[in-house]
Amino acid sequence: MSYDEYSFIFEMIQPDHFFVVGDPFQCIYESLKGASSYYMSTLSRNSDVTTYHLNENFRNKANILQYAQGALKPLHMRDDSRAMNIGGEIYEGKYDLDRLVNWIDTTDDYRDWAVLCFTNEEVQFIMSELKDSFIPVVNFNQRQKTKKEIDDLMNQNKVKVLTVWGAKGLGFPNVVIYGVNWMLKRSGSKEEGARLNYVAYTRAMNTLKVLSPVYRKRRY
């Protein structure tokens, strides 16, 4: 929630009754549109507001949620949610196209896979790599689609290649994270960068692969 949104709803409209849902660990638009978890925290401290904490996680298997929670610890942020499903597979390593294709080709159900990147350039690189390997891919912008259109795209038997921001709110059985989270290196953006990693990791339900990029000559 940004200042303009907060001001419009609670200072201009001044609703007698309202219902707000938010997650301070998924506030990833601070640098893009001025969003901040401050406004949600301020609202929850209002004596007229009742706050309910939803701490049961049904999306991510336990190992994946624990890995995502670890992304917050260096900045002393703590997520107390509990996974309702045990297990979960984690892999960390360097990017390797053959390995990536082999993972995806273990099933013909490509819709279960998503590759998430931190820049549009990385998205184009991965899409080019997978297309050349005869893996069907699709990319889309949620803000430009209706819910029905998004559902149709999600159900296509293709690997989804999106930015982390574009994947917010979505979930996939198998997720590959590729690229460099540039926010972690930018002064004043490390906290938002940690939340961005948290969002990226928690898109994965069963399997999470985190791949650091290697230099390759641009082919697209």
Protein backbone atom coordinates (compact mmCIF):
# COMPACT_ATOMS: atom_id res chain seq x y z
CA MET A 1 0.00 0.00 0.00
CA SER A 2 1.32 3.44 -0.93
CA TYR A 3 0.71 6.78 0.78
CA ASP A 4 -1.68 7.86 -2.00
CA GLU A 5 -3.71 4.66 -1.64
CA TYR A 6 -3.80 4.91 2.15
CA SER A 7 -4.75 8.58 2.03
CA PHE A 8 -7.49 8.04 -0.57
CA ILE A 9 -9.17 5.21 1.33
CA PHE A 10 -8.82 6.30 4.94
CA GLU A 11 -8.61 10.09 4.74
CA MET A 12 -10.82 10.93 1.75
CA ILE A 13 -13.39 8.13 1.70
CA GLN A 14 -13.21 7.46 5.46
CA PRO A 15 -15.19 4.17 5.34
CA ASP A 16 -17.16 3.13 8.39
CA HIS A 17 -16.39 -0.52 7.66
CA PHE A 18 -13.52 -2.05 5.72
CA PHE A 19 -11.60 -5.29 5.26
CA VAL A 20 -7.92 -5.20 4.31
CA VAL A 21 -5.60 -8.10 3.46
CA GLY A 22 -1.85 -7.65 3.35
CA ASP A 23 1.52 -9.27 3.96
CA PRO A 24 4.43 -7.06 5.12
CA PHE A 25 6.89 -9.66 3.84
CA GLN A 26 5.56 -9.29 0.30
CA CYS A 27 5.82 -5.51 0.02
CA ILE A 28 8.01 -5.33 -3.11
CA TYR A 29 6.85 -2.16 -4.85
CA GLU A 30 8.49 0.46 -2.61
CA SER A 31 11.03 1.54 -5.21
CA LEU A 32 8.51 1.27 -8.08
CA LYS A 33 5.40 2.97 -6.71
CA GLY A 34 6.14 4.04 -3.15
CA ALA A 35 4.48 1.09 -1.44
CA SER A 36 5.40 0.49 2.19
CA SER A 37 4.49 -1.96 4.93
CA TYR A 38 4.37 1.08 7.26
CA TYR A 39 0.78 1.89 6.31
CA MET A 40 -0.46 -1.63 7.04
CA SER A 41 1.36 -1.60 10.38
CA THR A 42 -0.11 1.81 11.22
CA LEU A 43 -3.59 0.57 10.39
CA SER A 44 -3.24 -2.55 12.53
CA ARG A 45 -2.30 -0.43 15.58
CA ASN A 46 -5.55 1.52 15.35
CA SER A 47 -7.68 0.71 18.42
CA ASP A 48 -10.78 0.44 16.21
CA VAL A 49 -9.18 -2.22 14.00
CA THR A 50 -9.14 -5.96 14.71
CA THR A 51 -6.15 -7.79 13.28
CA TYR A 52 -6.10 -11.50 12.44
CA HIS A 53 -2.79 -13.20 11.70
CA LEU A 54 -2.98 -15.95 9.08
CA ASN A 55 0.03 -18.08 9.98
CA GLU A 56 -0.88 -21.43 8.38
CA ASN A 57 0.85 -21.83 5.03
CA PHE A 58 -0.84 -24.30 2.67
CA ARG A 59 1.13 -23.34 -0.47
CA ASN A 60 4.74 -24.14 0.32
CA LYS A 61 6.10 -27.40 1.62
CA ALA A 62 8.05 -27.07 4.85
CA ASN A 63 11.59 -27.03 3.43
CA ILE A 64 10.69 -24.34 0.90
CA LEU A 65 9.01 -22.11 3.48
CA GLN A 66 12.01 -22.47 5.80
CA TYR A 67 14.36 -21.53 2.95
CA ALA A 68 12.24 -18.47 2.14
CA GLN A 69 12.13 -17.42 5.79
CA GLY A 70 15.91 -17.56 5.80
CA ALA A 71 15.97 -14.77 3.21
CA LEU A 72 14.50 -12.42 5.81
CA LYS A 73 16.80 -13.25 8.75
CA PRO A 74 19.85 -11.16 7.74
CA LEU A 75 17.69 -8.05 8.00
CA HIS A 76 16.10 -9.17 11.29
CA MET A 77 12.68 -9.70 9.75
CA ARG A 78 10.82 -12.75 11.05
CA ASP A 79 8.05 -14.75 9.43
CA ASP A 80 6.30 -17.00 11.97
CA SER A 81 4.03 -18.80 9.50
CA ARG A 82 3.96 -22.61 9.62
CA ALA A 83 3.90 -24.96 6.65
CA MET A 84 0.99 -27.38 6.65
CA ASN A 85 2.77 -29.85 4.33
CA ILE A 86 6.09 -31.59 4.99
CA GLY A 87 8.91 -32.06 2.48
CA GLY A 88 9.97 -29.88 -0.40
CA GLU A 89 13.06 -30.07 -2.61
CA ILE A 90 15.70 -27.30 -2.75
CA TYR A 91 18.60 -27.00 -5.20
CA GLU A 92 21.24 -24.25 -5.40
CA GLY A 93 23.80 -24.01 -8.16
CA LYS A 94 25.08 -22.33 -11.31
CA TYR A 95 22.89 -22.00 -14.36
CA ASP A 96 23.25 -24.87 -16.80
CA LEU A 97 20.87 -25.12 -19.76
CA ASP A 98 21.18 -28.89 -20.17
CA ARG A 99 20.36 -29.46 -16.50
CA LEU A 100 17.42 -27.07 -16.67
CA VAL A 101 15.99 -28.76 -19.77
CA ASN A 102 16.46 -32.19 -18.16
CA TRP A 103 14.50 -31.07 -15.09
CA ILE A 104 11.65 -29.75 -17.18
CA ASP A 105 11.63 -32.74 -19.51
CA THR A 106 11.08 -35.17 -16.63
CA THR A 107 7.40 -34.52 -17.32
CA ASP A 108 5.40 -33.43 -20.34
CA ASP A 109 3.25 -31.29 -18.08
CA TYR A 110 5.14 -28.06 -18.70
CA ARG A 111 2.42 -26.02 -16.95
CA ASP A 112 3.86 -27.12 -13.61
CA TRP A 113 7.08 -25.17 -14.24
CA ALA A 114 7.94 -21.49 -13.91
CA VAL A 115 11.25 -19.69 -14.36
CA LEU A 116 11.36 -16.38 -12.48
CA CYS A 117 13.89 -13.64 -13.23
CA PHE A 118 14.78 -10.24 -11.80
CA THR A 119 15.00 -8.30 -15.08
CA ASN A 120 13.20 -8.32 -18.41
CA GLU A 121 16.56 -8.96 -20.10
CA GLU A 122 16.95 -12.18 -18.09
CA VAL A 123 13.39 -13.17 -19.05
CA GLN A 124 14.23 -12.78 -22.74
CA PHE A 125 17.44 -14.76 -22.29
CA ILE A 126 15.70 -17.72 -20.61
CA MET A 127 12.85 -17.71 -23.13
CA SER A 128 15.36 -17.80 -25.98
CA GLU A 129 17.30 -20.64 -24.35
CA LEU A 130 14.19 -22.76 -23.75
CA LYS A 131 12.70 -22.10 -27.18
CA ASP A 132 15.95 -23.22 -28.81
CA SER A 133 15.66 -26.40 -26.73
CA PHE A 134 12.09 -26.99 -27.99
CA ILE A 135 10.50 -26.20 -24.61
CA PRO A 136 7.19 -24.31 -25.01
CA VAL A 137 7.16 -21.06 -23.03
CA VAL A 138 4.79 -18.20 -22.29
CA ASN A 139 5.28 -14.75 -20.77
CA PHE A 140 2.55 -12.34 -19.65
CA ASN A 141 1.85 -9.24 -17.59
CA GLN A 142 -0.87 -9.77 -14.99
CA ARG A 143 -1.75 -6.08 -14.89
CA GLN A 144 -2.80 -6.22 -18.53
CA LYS A 145 -4.93 -9.37 -18.19
CA THR A 146 -8.31 -10.27 -16.73
CA LYS A 147 -8.51 -13.08 -14.18
CA LYS A 148 -9.97 -15.38 -16.85
CA GLU A 149 -7.12 -14.57 -19.23
CA ILE A 150 -4.56 -15.25 -16.49
CA ASP A 151 -6.25 -18.56 -15.62
CA ASP A 152 -6.19 -19.55 -19.31
CA LEU A 153 -2.47 -18.70 -19.56
CA MET A 154 -1.68 -20.57 -16.36
CA ASN A 155 -3.43 -23.66 -17.71
CA GLN A 156 -1.51 -23.67 -20.98
CA ASN A 157 0.91 -26.59 -21.17
CA LYS A 158 3.88 -24.22 -21.32
CA VAL A 159 6.65 -23.12 -18.97
CA LYS A 160 5.89 -19.70 -17.52
CA VAL A 161 8.83 -17.29 -17.74
CA LEU A 162 8.12 -14.16 -15.70
CA THR A 163 9.75 -11.51 -13.59
CA VAL A 164 9.40 -12.04 -9.84
CA TRP A 165 7.12 -8.99 -9.73
CA GLY A 166 4.98 -10.48 -12.50
CA ALA A 167 4.62 -13.75 -10.59
CA LYS A 168 3.43 -12.18 -7.33
CA GLY A 169 0.17 -13.80 -6.25
CA LEU A 170 0.78 -16.91 -8.36
CA GLY A 171 2.05 -20.35 -7.34
CA PHE A 172 3.66 -23.22 -9.25
CA PRO A 173 4.59 -26.80 -8.29
CA ASN A 174 8.15 -26.28 -9.59
CA VAL A 175 9.97 -22.95 -9.65
CA VAL A 176 13.39 -22.00 -10.99
CA ILE A 177 14.87 -18.66 -9.88
CA TYR A 178 17.42 -17.25 -12.33
CA GLY A 179 19.45 -14.08 -12.23
CA VAL A 180 20.74 -11.39 -9.91
CA ASN A 181 18.57 -9.64 -7.35
CA TRP A 182 19.99 -6.17 -8.02
CA MET A 183 18.06 -4.65 -5.10
CA LEU A 184 20.32 -6.43 -2.61
CA LYS A 185 23.23 -4.43 -4.01
CA ARG A 186 21.50 -1.05 -4.14
CA SER A 187 21.95 1.30 -1.19
CA GLY A 188 18.71 1.69 0.73
CA SER A 189 16.99 -1.23 -1.04
CA LYS A 190 18.36 -4.25 0.80
CA GLU A 191 15.21 -4.76 2.88
CA GLU A 192 13.03 -4.64 -0.21
CA GLY A 193 15.49 -6.97 -1.93
CA ALA A 194 15.13 -9.48 0.90
CA ARG A 195 11.34 -9.33 0.59
CA LEU A 196 11.69 -9.79 -3.17
CA ASN A 197 13.65 -13.01 -2.59
CA TYR A 198 10.99 -14.13 -0.12
CA VAL A 199 8.27 -13.58 -2.74
CA ALA A 200 10.32 -15.42 -5.37
CA TYR A 201 10.96 -18.47 -3.19
CA THR A 202 7.39 -18.73 -1.93
CA ARG A 203 6.02 -19.06 -5.48
CA ALA A 204 7.29 -22.67 -5.30
CA MET A 205 4.99 -25.36 -3.91
CA ASN A 206 7.06 -28.55 -4.16
CA THR A 207 10.41 -27.85 -5.80
CA LEU A 208 12.65 -24.77 -5.78
CA LYS A 209 15.79 -24.40 -7.90
CA VAL A 210 17.92 -21.29 -7.32
CA LEU A 211 20.41 -20.70 -10.16
CA SER A 212 23.06 -18.02 -10.24
CA PRO A 213 23.84 -16.75 -13.76
CA VAL A 214 27.01 -17.47 -15.67
CA TYR A 215 28.36 -15.30 -18.46
CA ARG A 216 27.08 -16.25 -21.88
CA LYS A 217 27.28 -14.40 -25.15
CA ARG A 218 23.93 -12.75 -25.87
CA ARG A 219 22.03 -14.53 -28.63
CA TYR A 220 18.76 -12.59 -28.75
